[in-house]
Amino acid sequence: MPMSYLYGKKFVGPITPTIVAIREELYSVSYSEIDWNKARDTCAKEDLRYPRSLLQNVIWTCLNKFVEPVLNCWPINKLRDTALKNLMKHIHYEDESTKYIGVCPINKALDMICCWSEDPNSDALKLHLPRIYDYLWLAEDGMKAQVYDGCQSWELAFIVQAYCSTDLVNEFGPTLRKAHEFIKSSQVLENHPNSETYYRHRSKGSWTLSTADNGWSVSDCTAEALKALLLLSKISPNLVGDPVKGERLHDAVDCLLSFMV
């Protein structure tokens, strides 16, 4: 969505010294000398797993040479303007439903650019900035960006199951208590409003790969977290804390069944 929005809007940011330096680093020839019409069809042989057919080449060339110019002319450009406004609604919805974490760091970065291009002083852009750090971590050789905002719920569910299958429960009771609280707090408790309008699956009762803030329900994460909670419910609350309410377990089951429809 964000790539479609930026392309359709033909957005170009200010050319700063940093942008110039990045262009010099990325391209083997001068940026001003690149033939973009030719580059459009260029692909490294290592990446060309399925060569385009003649029909594809004809269709894509026609779209670029004939349809694209028409879409930029009045009154047809009004159709594109309507589509761009609708795209931006979907982008804002994705941002809001993931608490501005985004689906992945690529989407997040592009969504931020879309928000910036729409309004550099918008609240949406300001809400994006603090959540950049959900993806960053400092390693021995410098700053890294992970491909997701974490897999806390996923990994913790398996760790809990492993503990519960051994005799280590009594020895690591405080650890299991903290894990229990985290899993309970990571469950998504409500559906996102207007989810069907924005083609989103139900989220109530589910678990994400990471935390509840992420908002994207994952079937296997939900199943493993549910299993972990059921195992913990068989252990004394004095050791691992109070079990989750039955209503929330029912919500998790309903969510899993909804994936099978």
C-alpha atoms as a PDB file:
ATOM      1  CA  MET A   1       0.000   0.000   0.000  1.00  0.00           C
ATOM      2  CA  PRO A   2       2.606   2.632   0.896  1.00  0.00           C
ATOM      3  CA  MET A   3       4.574   1.990  -2.304  1.00  0.00           C
ATOM      4  CA  SER A   4       1.381   2.380  -4.343  1.00  0.00           C
ATOM      5  CA  TYR A   5       0.602   5.619  -2.528  1.00  0.00           C
ATOM      6  CA  LEU A   6       4.057   7.119  -3.010  1.00  0.00           C
ATOM      7  CA  TYR A   7       4.165   6.100  -6.671  1.00  0.00           C
ATOM      8  CA  GLY A   8       0.657   7.361  -7.375  1.00  0.00           C
ATOM      9  CA  LYS A   9       1.384  10.655  -5.674  1.00  0.00           C
ATOM     10  CA  LYS A  10       4.764  10.926  -7.437  1.00  0.00           C
ATOM     11  CA  PHE A  11       6.183  12.085  -4.134  1.00  0.00           C
ATOM     12  CA  VAL A  12       9.771  13.354  -4.095  1.00  0.00           C
ATOM     13  CA  GLY A  13      11.359  14.644  -0.929  1.00  0.00           C
ATOM     14  CA  PRO A  14      13.983  17.386  -0.743  1.00  0.00           C
ATOM     15  CA  ILE A  15      17.352  16.357  -2.207  1.00  0.00           C
ATOM     16  CA  THR A  16      19.714  16.744   0.737  1.00  0.00           C
ATOM     17  CA  PRO A  17      23.448  15.951   0.941  1.00  0.00           C
ATOM     18  CA  THR A  18      22.497  12.707   2.703  1.00  0.00           C
ATOM     19  CA  ILE A  19      20.255  11.681  -0.210  1.00  0.00           C
ATOM     20  CA  VAL A  20      23.049  12.464  -2.676  1.00  0.00           C
ATOM     21  CA  ALA A  21      25.498  10.375  -0.640  1.00  0.00           C
ATOM     22  CA  ILE A  22      23.068   7.439  -0.526  1.00  0.00           C
ATOM     23  CA  ARG A  23      22.581   7.620  -4.300  1.00  0.00           C
ATOM     24  CA  GLU A  24      26.346   7.470  -4.804  1.00  0.00           C
ATOM     25  CA  GLU A  25      26.551   4.460  -2.514  1.00  0.00           C
ATOM     26  CA  LEU A  26      23.656   2.527  -4.066  1.00  0.00           C
ATOM     27  CA  TYR A  27      24.236   3.000  -7.793  1.00  0.00           C
ATOM     28  CA  SER A  28      27.277   1.971  -9.815  1.00  0.00           C
ATOM     29  CA  VAL A  29      26.792   4.888 -12.243  1.00  0.00           C
ATOM     30  CA  SER A  30      25.897   8.518 -11.712  1.00  0.00           C
ATOM     31  CA  TYR A  31      22.248   8.897 -10.697  1.00  0.00           C
ATOM     32  CA  SER A  32      21.674  11.528 -13.388  1.00  0.00           C
ATOM     33  CA  GLU A  33      22.879   9.122 -16.094  1.00  0.00           C
ATOM     34  CA  ILE A  34      20.496   6.266 -15.271  1.00  0.00           C
ATOM     35  CA  ASP A  35      18.029   5.404 -18.042  1.00  0.00           C
ATOM     36  CA  TRP A  36      14.985   4.644 -15.914  1.00  0.00           C
ATOM     37  CA  ASN A  37      12.933   3.290 -18.829  1.00  0.00           C
ATOM     38  CA  LYS A  38      15.621   0.675 -19.376  1.00  0.00           C
ATOM     39  CA  ALA A  39      16.204   0.129 -15.668  1.00  0.00           C
ATOM     40  CA  ARG A  40      12.492  -0.649 -15.242  1.00  0.00           C
ATOM     41  CA  ASP A  41      13.066  -4.029 -16.929  1.00  0.00           C
ATOM     42  CA  THR A  42      16.496  -4.746 -15.451  1.00  0.00           C
ATOM     43  CA  CYS A  43      16.912  -7.585 -12.974  1.00  0.00           C
ATOM     44  CA  ALA A  44      20.008  -9.393 -11.730  1.00  0.00           C
ATOM     45  CA  LYS A  45      20.161 -12.927 -13.110  1.00  0.00           C
ATOM     46  CA  GLU A  46      20.462 -14.272  -9.558  1.00  0.00           C
ATOM     47  CA  ASP A  47      17.075 -12.732  -8.723  1.00  0.00           C
ATOM     48  CA  LEU A  48      15.327 -13.592 -11.995  1.00  0.00           C
ATOM     49  CA  ARG A  49      13.691 -16.838 -10.913  1.00  0.00           C
ATOM     50  CA  TYR A  50      10.757 -16.572 -13.330  1.00  0.00           C
ATOM     51  CA  PRO A  51      11.497 -14.527 -16.481  1.00  0.00           C
ATOM     52  CA  ARG A  52       8.619 -12.360 -17.647  1.00  0.00           C
ATOM     53  CA  SER A  53       6.640 -13.560 -20.646  1.00  0.00           C
ATOM     54  CA  LEU A  54       6.158 -11.559 -23.824  1.00  0.00           C
ATOM     55  CA  LEU A  55       2.543 -10.900 -22.820  1.00  0.00           C
ATOM     56  CA  GLN A  56       3.667  -9.461 -19.475  1.00  0.00           C
ATOM     57  CA  ASN A  57       6.167  -7.191 -21.179  1.00  0.00           C
ATOM     58  CA  VAL A  58       3.516  -5.934 -23.595  1.00  0.00           C
ATOM     59  CA  ILE A  59       0.978  -5.263 -20.835  1.00  0.00           C
ATOM     60  CA  TRP A  60       3.457  -3.514 -18.537  1.00  0.00           C
ATOM     61  CA  THR A  61       4.838  -1.396 -21.365  1.00  0.00           C
ATOM     62  CA  CYS A  62       1.325  -0.321 -22.383  1.00  0.00           C
ATOM     63  CA  LEU A  63       0.461   0.542 -18.798  1.00  0.00           C
ATOM     64  CA  ASN A  64       3.587   2.662 -18.464  1.00  0.00           C
ATOM     65  CA  LYS A  65       3.491   4.348 -21.873  1.00  0.00           C
ATOM     66  CA  PHE A  66      -0.230   4.891 -22.371  1.00  0.00           C
ATOM     67  CA  VAL A  67      -2.322   4.304 -19.234  1.00  0.00           C
ATOM     68  CA  GLU A  68      -0.051   6.148 -16.796  1.00  0.00           C
ATOM     69  CA  PRO A  69      -0.088   9.454 -18.755  1.00  0.00           C
ATOM     70  CA  VAL A  70      -3.892   9.261 -19.035  1.00  0.00           C
ATOM     71  CA  LEU A  71      -4.245   8.796 -15.269  1.00  0.00           C
ATOM     72  CA  ASN A  72      -2.308  12.017 -14.756  1.00  0.00           C
ATOM     73  CA  CYS A  73      -4.649  14.072 -16.956  1.00  0.00           C
ATOM     74  CA  TRP A  74      -7.878  15.781 -15.945  1.00  0.00           C
ATOM     75  CA  PRO A  75     -10.529  14.536 -15.356  1.00  0.00           C
ATOM     76  CA  ILE A  76      -9.159  10.970 -15.074  1.00  0.00           C
ATOM     77  CA  ASN A  77      -6.687  12.128 -12.421  1.00  0.00           C
ATOM     78  CA  LYS A  78      -9.664  12.608 -10.091  1.00  0.00           C
ATOM     79  CA  LEU A  79      -9.995   8.826 -10.043  1.00  0.00           C
ATOM     80  CA  ARG A  80      -6.376   8.513  -8.923  1.00  0.00           C
ATOM     81  CA  ASP A  81      -6.908  11.188  -6.251  1.00  0.00           C
ATOM     82  CA  THR A  82      -9.850   9.206  -4.876  1.00  0.00           C
ATOM     83  CA  ALA A  83      -7.776   6.019  -4.871  1.00  0.00           C
ATOM     84  CA  LEU A  84      -4.904   7.769  -3.065  1.00  0.00           C
ATOM     85  CA  LYS A  85      -7.243   9.089  -0.375  1.00  0.00           C
ATOM     86  CA  ASN A  86      -8.621   5.587   0.125  1.00  0.00           C
ATOM     87  CA  LEU A  87      -5.094   4.171   0.287  1.00  0.00           C
ATOM     88  CA  MET A  88      -4.166   6.668   2.968  1.00  0.00           C
ATOM     89  CA  LYS A  89      -7.196   5.624   5.021  1.00  0.00           C
ATOM     90  CA  HIS A  90      -5.971   2.028   4.889  1.00  0.00           C
ATOM     91  CA  ILE A  91      -2.448   3.096   5.855  1.00  0.00           C
ATOM     92  CA  HIS A  92      -3.735   5.075   8.831  1.00  0.00           C
ATOM     93  CA  TYR A  93      -5.889   2.131   9.859  1.00  0.00           C
ATOM     94  CA  GLU A  94      -2.900  -0.214   9.751  1.00  0.00           C
ATOM     95  CA  ASP A  95      -0.873   2.243  11.830  1.00  0.00           C
ATOM     96  CA  GLU A  96      -3.602   2.719  14.419  1.00  0.00           C
ATOM     97  CA  SER A  97      -4.422  -0.988  14.725  1.00  0.00           C
ATOM     98  CA  THR A  98      -0.746  -1.837  15.324  1.00  0.00           C
ATOM     99  CA  LYS A  99      -0.129   1.098  17.695  1.00  0.00           C
ATOM    100  CA  TYR A 100       2.220   2.511  15.022  1.00  0.00           C
ATOM    101  CA  ILE A 101       4.509  -0.527  15.141  1.00  0.00           C
ATOM    102  CA  GLY A 102       3.486  -1.613  11.659  1.00  0.00           C
ATOM    103  CA  VAL A 103       3.540  -5.048  10.082  1.00  0.00           C
ATOM    104  CA  CYS A 104       7.324  -5.043   9.635  1.00  0.00           C
ATOM    105  CA  PRO A 105      10.127  -2.445   9.587  1.00  0.00           C
ATOM    106  CA  ILE A 106       9.824  -1.972   5.815  1.00  0.00           C
ATOM    107  CA  ASN A 107       6.127  -1.221   6.034  1.00  0.00           C
ATOM    108  CA  LYS A 108       6.679   1.010   9.017  1.00  0.00           C
ATOM    109  CA  ALA A 109       9.343   3.084   7.279  1.00  0.00           C
ATOM    110  CA  LEU A 110       7.217   3.476   4.155  1.00  0.00           C
ATOM    111  CA  ASP A 111       4.087   4.258   6.173  1.00  0.00           C
ATOM    112  CA  MET A 112       6.049   6.972   7.956  1.00  0.00           C
ATOM    113  CA  ILE A 113       7.070   8.493   4.627  1.00  0.00           C
ATOM    114  CA  CYS A 114       3.431   8.431   3.509  1.00  0.00           C
ATOM    115  CA  CYS A 115       2.366  10.228   6.690  1.00  0.00           C
ATOM    116  CA  TRP A 116       5.171  12.740   6.198  1.00  0.00           C
ATOM    117  CA  SER A 117       4.210  13.357   2.570  1.00  0.00           C
ATOM    118  CA  GLU A 118       0.599  13.885   3.605  1.00  0.00           C
ATOM    119  CA  ASP A 119       1.434  16.273   6.454  1.00  0.00           C
ATOM    120  CA  PRO A 120       4.941  16.735   7.932  1.00  0.00           C
ATOM    121  CA  ASN A 121       3.391  18.041  11.160  1.00  0.00           C
ATOM    122  CA  SER A 122       0.711  15.374  11.530  1.00  0.00           C
ATOM    123  CA  ASP A 123      -0.006  13.544  14.773  1.00  0.00           C
ATOM    124  CA  ALA A 124       0.358  10.275  12.852  1.00  0.00           C
ATOM    125  CA  LEU A 125       4.002  10.998  12.073  1.00  0.00           C
ATOM    126  CA  LYS A 126       4.676  12.045  15.666  1.00  0.00           C
ATOM    127  CA  LEU A 127       3.161   8.780  16.926  1.00  0.00           C
ATOM    128  CA  HIS A 128       5.333   6.795  14.524  1.00  0.00           C
ATOM    129  CA  LEU A 129       8.651   8.140  15.777  1.00  0.00           C
ATOM    130  CA  PRO A 130       8.827   6.582  19.283  1.00  0.00           C
ATOM    131  CA  ARG A 131       8.028   3.125  17.911  1.00  0.00           C
ATOM    132  CA  ILE A 132      11.044   3.036  15.620  1.00  0.00           C
ATOM    133  CA  TYR A 133      12.980   1.642  18.562  1.00  0.00           C
ATOM    134  CA  ASP A 134      10.792  -1.487  18.649  1.00  0.00           C
ATOM    135  CA  TYR A 135      12.844  -2.702  15.683  1.00  0.00           C
ATOM    136  CA  LEU A 136      16.332  -1.549  16.666  1.00  0.00           C
ATOM    137  CA  TRP A 137      18.902  -3.211  18.880  1.00  0.00           C
ATOM    138  CA  LEU A 138      22.597  -2.727  19.471  1.00  0.00           C
ATOM    139  CA  ALA A 139      24.890  -5.668  18.689  1.00  0.00           C
ATOM    140  CA  GLU A 140      28.634  -6.100  19.105  1.00  0.00           C
ATOM    141  CA  ASP A 141      29.233  -4.776  15.594  1.00  0.00           C
ATOM    142  CA  GLY A 142      26.737  -1.924  15.626  1.00  0.00           C
ATOM    143  CA  MET A 143      23.074  -1.084  15.243  1.00  0.00           C
ATOM    144  CA  LYS A 144      20.748  -3.769  13.883  1.00  0.00           C
ATOM    145  CA  ALA A 145      17.151  -3.779  12.695  1.00  0.00           C
ATOM    146  CA  GLN A 146      15.085  -6.918  13.163  1.00  0.00           C
ATOM    147  CA  VAL A 147      12.544  -8.101  10.589  1.00  0.00           C
ATOM    148  CA  TYR A 148       9.709  -8.001  13.133  1.00  0.00           C
ATOM    149  CA  ASP A 149       9.154  -6.208  16.409  1.00  0.00           C
ATOM    150  CA  GLY A 150       9.947  -9.418  18.267  1.00  0.00           C
ATOM    151  CA  CYS A 151       8.667 -12.954  18.839  1.00  0.00           C
ATOM    152  CA  GLN A 152       8.111 -12.718  22.576  1.00  0.00           C
ATOM    153  CA  SER A 153       4.723 -14.454  22.757  1.00  0.00           C
ATOM    154  CA  TRP A 154       5.747 -17.197  20.342  1.00  0.00           C
ATOM    155  CA  GLU A 155       8.984 -18.126  22.106  1.00  0.00           C
ATOM    156  CA  LEU A 156       7.625 -17.726  25.620  1.00  0.00           C
ATOM    157  CA  ALA A 157       4.732 -20.103  24.920  1.00  0.00           C
ATOM    158  CA  PHE A 158       7.218 -22.850  23.999  1.00  0.00           C
ATOM    159  CA  ILE A 159       9.445 -22.080  26.986  1.00  0.00           C
ATOM    160  CA  VAL A 160       6.475 -22.414  29.349  1.00  0.00           C
ATOM    161  CA  GLN A 161       5.447 -25.687  27.718  1.00  0.00           C
ATOM    162  CA  ALA A 162       8.992 -27.008  28.122  1.00  0.00           C
ATOM    163  CA  TYR A 163       9.080 -26.101  31.829  1.00  0.00           C
ATOM    164  CA  CYS A 164       5.668 -27.666  32.413  1.00  0.00           C
ATOM    165  CA  SER A 165       6.811 -30.935  30.842  1.00  0.00           C
ATOM    166  CA  THR A 166       9.655 -31.294  33.372  1.00  0.00           C
ATOM    167  CA  ASP A 167      10.111 -31.317  37.144  1.00  0.00           C
ATOM    168  CA  LEU A 168      11.498 -27.771  37.086  1.00  0.00           C
ATOM    169  CA  VAL A 169       8.189 -26.060  37.879  1.00  0.00           C
ATOM    170  CA  ASN A 170       8.830 -25.810  41.613  1.00  0.00           C
ATOM    171  CA  GLU A 171      12.413 -24.678  41.118  1.00  0.00           C
ATOM    172  CA  PHE A 172      11.507 -21.928  38.663  1.00  0.00           C
ATOM    173  CA  GLY A 173       8.154 -20.860  40.069  1.00  0.00           C
ATOM    174  CA  PRO A 174       8.928 -17.092  40.037  1.00  0.00           C
ATOM    175  CA  THR A 175      10.038 -17.341  36.405  1.00  0.00           C
ATOM    176  CA  LEU A 176       6.842 -19.116  35.405  1.00  0.00           C
ATOM    177  CA  ARG A 177       4.768 -16.568  37.309  1.00  0.00           C
ATOM    178  CA  LYS A 178       6.308 -13.734  35.263  1.00  0.00           C
ATOM    179  CA  ALA A 179       5.872 -15.710  32.054  1.00  0.00           C
ATOM    180  CA  HIS A 180       2.252 -16.379  32.989  1.00  0.00           C
ATOM    181  CA  GLU A 181       1.567 -12.678  33.488  1.00  0.00           C
ATOM    182  CA  PHE A 182       3.238 -11.778  30.215  1.00  0.00           C
ATOM    183  CA  ILE A 183       1.220 -14.280  28.199  1.00  0.00           C
ATOM    184  CA  LYS A 184      -2.008 -13.072  29.804  1.00  0.00           C
ATOM    185  CA  SER A 185      -1.146  -9.432  29.126  1.00  0.00           C
ATOM    186  CA  SER A 186      -0.194 -10.204  25.518  1.00  0.00           C
ATOM    187  CA  GLN A 187      -3.606 -11.487  24.486  1.00  0.00           C
ATOM    188  CA  VAL A 188      -5.547  -9.180  22.160  1.00  0.00           C
ATOM    189  CA  LEU A 189      -8.777  -8.447  24.012  1.00  0.00           C
ATOM    190  CA  GLU A 190     -10.806  -6.558  21.410  1.00  0.00           C
ATOM    191  CA  ASN A 191     -11.455  -6.614  17.698  1.00  0.00           C
ATOM    192  CA  HIS A 192     -10.231  -3.619  15.764  1.00  0.00           C
ATOM    193  CA  PRO A 193     -13.129  -1.334  14.797  1.00  0.00           C
ATOM    194  CA  ASN A 194     -14.359  -1.587  11.200  1.00  0.00           C
ATOM    195  CA  SER A 195     -12.084  -4.575  10.612  1.00  0.00           C
ATOM    196  CA  GLU A 196     -14.201  -5.952   7.762  1.00  0.00           C
ATOM    197  CA  THR A 197     -14.128  -2.608   5.956  1.00  0.00           C
ATOM    198  CA  TYR A 198     -10.331  -2.770   5.948  1.00  0.00           C
ATOM    199  CA  TYR A 199     -10.141  -6.512   5.192  1.00  0.00           C
ATOM    200  CA  ARG A 200      -8.788  -7.486   8.595  1.00  0.00           C
ATOM    201  CA  HIS A 201      -9.448 -10.808  10.301  1.00  0.00           C
ATOM    202  CA  ARG A 202     -10.885 -10.830  13.803  1.00  0.00           C
ATOM    203  CA  SER A 203      -8.296 -10.285  16.509  1.00  0.00           C
ATOM    204  CA  LYS A 204     -10.229 -10.682  19.774  1.00  0.00           C
ATOM    205  CA  GLY A 205      -8.834 -13.571  21.792  1.00  0.00           C
ATOM    206  CA  SER A 206      -5.733 -13.987  19.658  1.00  0.00           C
ATOM    207  CA  TRP A 207      -2.029 -13.657  20.269  1.00  0.00           C
ATOM    208  CA  THR A 208       0.427 -11.983  17.956  1.00  0.00           C
ATOM    209  CA  LEU A 209       3.997 -13.068  17.357  1.00  0.00           C
ATOM    210  CA  SER A 210       5.229 -10.362  19.732  1.00  0.00           C
ATOM    211  CA  THR A 211       2.940  -8.308  21.985  1.00  0.00           C
ATOM    212  CA  ALA A 212      -0.675  -7.165  22.088  1.00  0.00           C
ATOM    213  CA  ASP A 213       0.329  -3.781  20.649  1.00  0.00           C
ATOM    214  CA  ASN A 214       1.230  -5.442  17.349  1.00  0.00           C
ATOM    215  CA  GLY A 215      -2.416  -6.304  16.786  1.00  0.00           C
ATOM    216  CA  TRP A 216      -1.938  -8.873  13.988  1.00  0.00           C
ATOM    217  CA  SER A 217      -3.499 -12.170  15.090  1.00  0.00           C
ATOM    218  CA  VAL A 218      -1.473 -15.290  14.272  1.00  0.00           C
ATOM    219  CA  SER A 219      -3.139 -18.705  14.375  1.00  0.00           C
ATOM    220  CA  ASP A 220      -0.183 -20.805  15.545  1.00  0.00           C
ATOM    221  CA  CYS A 221       0.899 -18.217  18.127  1.00  0.00           C
ATOM    222  CA  THR A 222      -2.653 -18.223  19.485  1.00  0.00           C
ATOM    223  CA  ALA A 223      -2.712 -22.018  19.655  1.00  0.00           C
ATOM    224  CA  GLU A 224       0.636 -22.297  21.460  1.00  0.00           C
ATOM    225  CA  ALA A 225      -0.170 -19.501  23.931  1.00  0.00           C
ATOM    226  CA  LEU A 226      -3.524 -21.125  24.683  1.00  0.00           C
ATOM    227  CA  LYS A 227      -1.797 -24.454  25.299  1.00  0.00           C
ATOM    228  CA  ALA A 228       0.697 -22.781  27.645  1.00  0.00           C
ATOM    229  CA  LEU A 229      -2.121 -21.165  29.645  1.00  0.00           C
ATOM    230  CA  LEU A 230      -3.968 -24.471  29.948  1.00  0.00           C
ATOM    231  CA  LEU A 231      -0.812 -26.135  31.270  1.00  0.00           C
ATOM    232  CA  LEU A 232      -0.237 -23.315  33.759  1.00  0.00           C
ATOM    233  CA  SER A 233      -3.832 -23.576  34.976  1.00  0.00           C
ATOM    234  CA  LYS A 234      -3.019 -27.062  36.304  1.00  0.00           C
ATOM    235  CA  ILE A 235      -0.303 -25.669  38.583  1.00  0.00           C
ATOM    236  CA  SER A 236      -1.007 -24.121  41.978  1.00  0.00           C
ATOM    237  CA  PRO A 237      -1.829 -20.385  41.742  1.00  0.00           C
ATOM    238  CA  ASN A 238       0.444 -19.862  44.736  1.00  0.00           C
ATOM    239  CA  LEU A 239       3.324 -20.825  42.488  1.00  0.00           C
ATOM    240  CA  VAL A 240       2.483 -19.386  39.057  1.00  0.00           C
ATOM    241  CA  GLY A 241      -0.296 -16.885  39.727  1.00  0.00           C
ATOM    242  CA  ASP A 242      -4.026 -16.912  39.054  1.00  0.00           C
ATOM    243  CA  PRO A 243      -5.213 -18.661  35.903  1.00  0.00           C
ATOM    244  CA  VAL A 244      -6.675 -16.647  33.057  1.00  0.00           C
ATOM    245  CA  LYS A 245     -10.453 -16.184  33.034  1.00  0.00           C
ATOM    246  CA  GLY A 246     -12.422 -18.825  31.181  1.00  0.00           C
ATOM    247  CA  GLU A 247     -14.036 -16.175  28.986  1.00  0.00           C
ATOM    248  CA  ARG A 248     -10.655 -15.278  27.528  1.00  0.00           C
ATOM    249  CA  LEU A 249      -9.901 -18.937  26.812  1.00  0.00           C
ATOM    250  CA  HIS A 250     -13.217 -19.174  24.975  1.00  0.00           C
ATOM    251  CA  ASP A 251     -12.289 -16.090  22.935  1.00  0.00           C
ATOM    252  CA  ALA A 252      -9.014 -17.754  21.958  1.00  0.00           C
ATOM    253  CA  VAL A 253     -10.823 -20.910  20.831  1.00  0.00           C
ATOM    254  CA  ASP A 254     -13.353 -18.851  18.863  1.00  0.00           C
ATOM    255  CA  CYS A 255     -10.498 -17.029  17.159  1.00  0.00           C
ATOM    256  CA  LEU A 256      -8.797 -20.299  16.205  1.00  0.00           C
ATOM    257  CA  LEU A 257     -12.040 -21.678  14.805  1.00  0.00           C
ATOM    258  CA  SER A 258     -12.526 -18.506  12.776  1.00  0.00           C
ATOM    259  CA  PHE A 259      -9.286 -19.245  10.920  1.00  0.00           C
ATOM    260  CA  MET A 260     -10.801 -22.507   9.682  1.00  0.00           C
ATOM    261  CA  VAL A 261     -13.825 -20.925   8.018  1.00  0.00           C
END
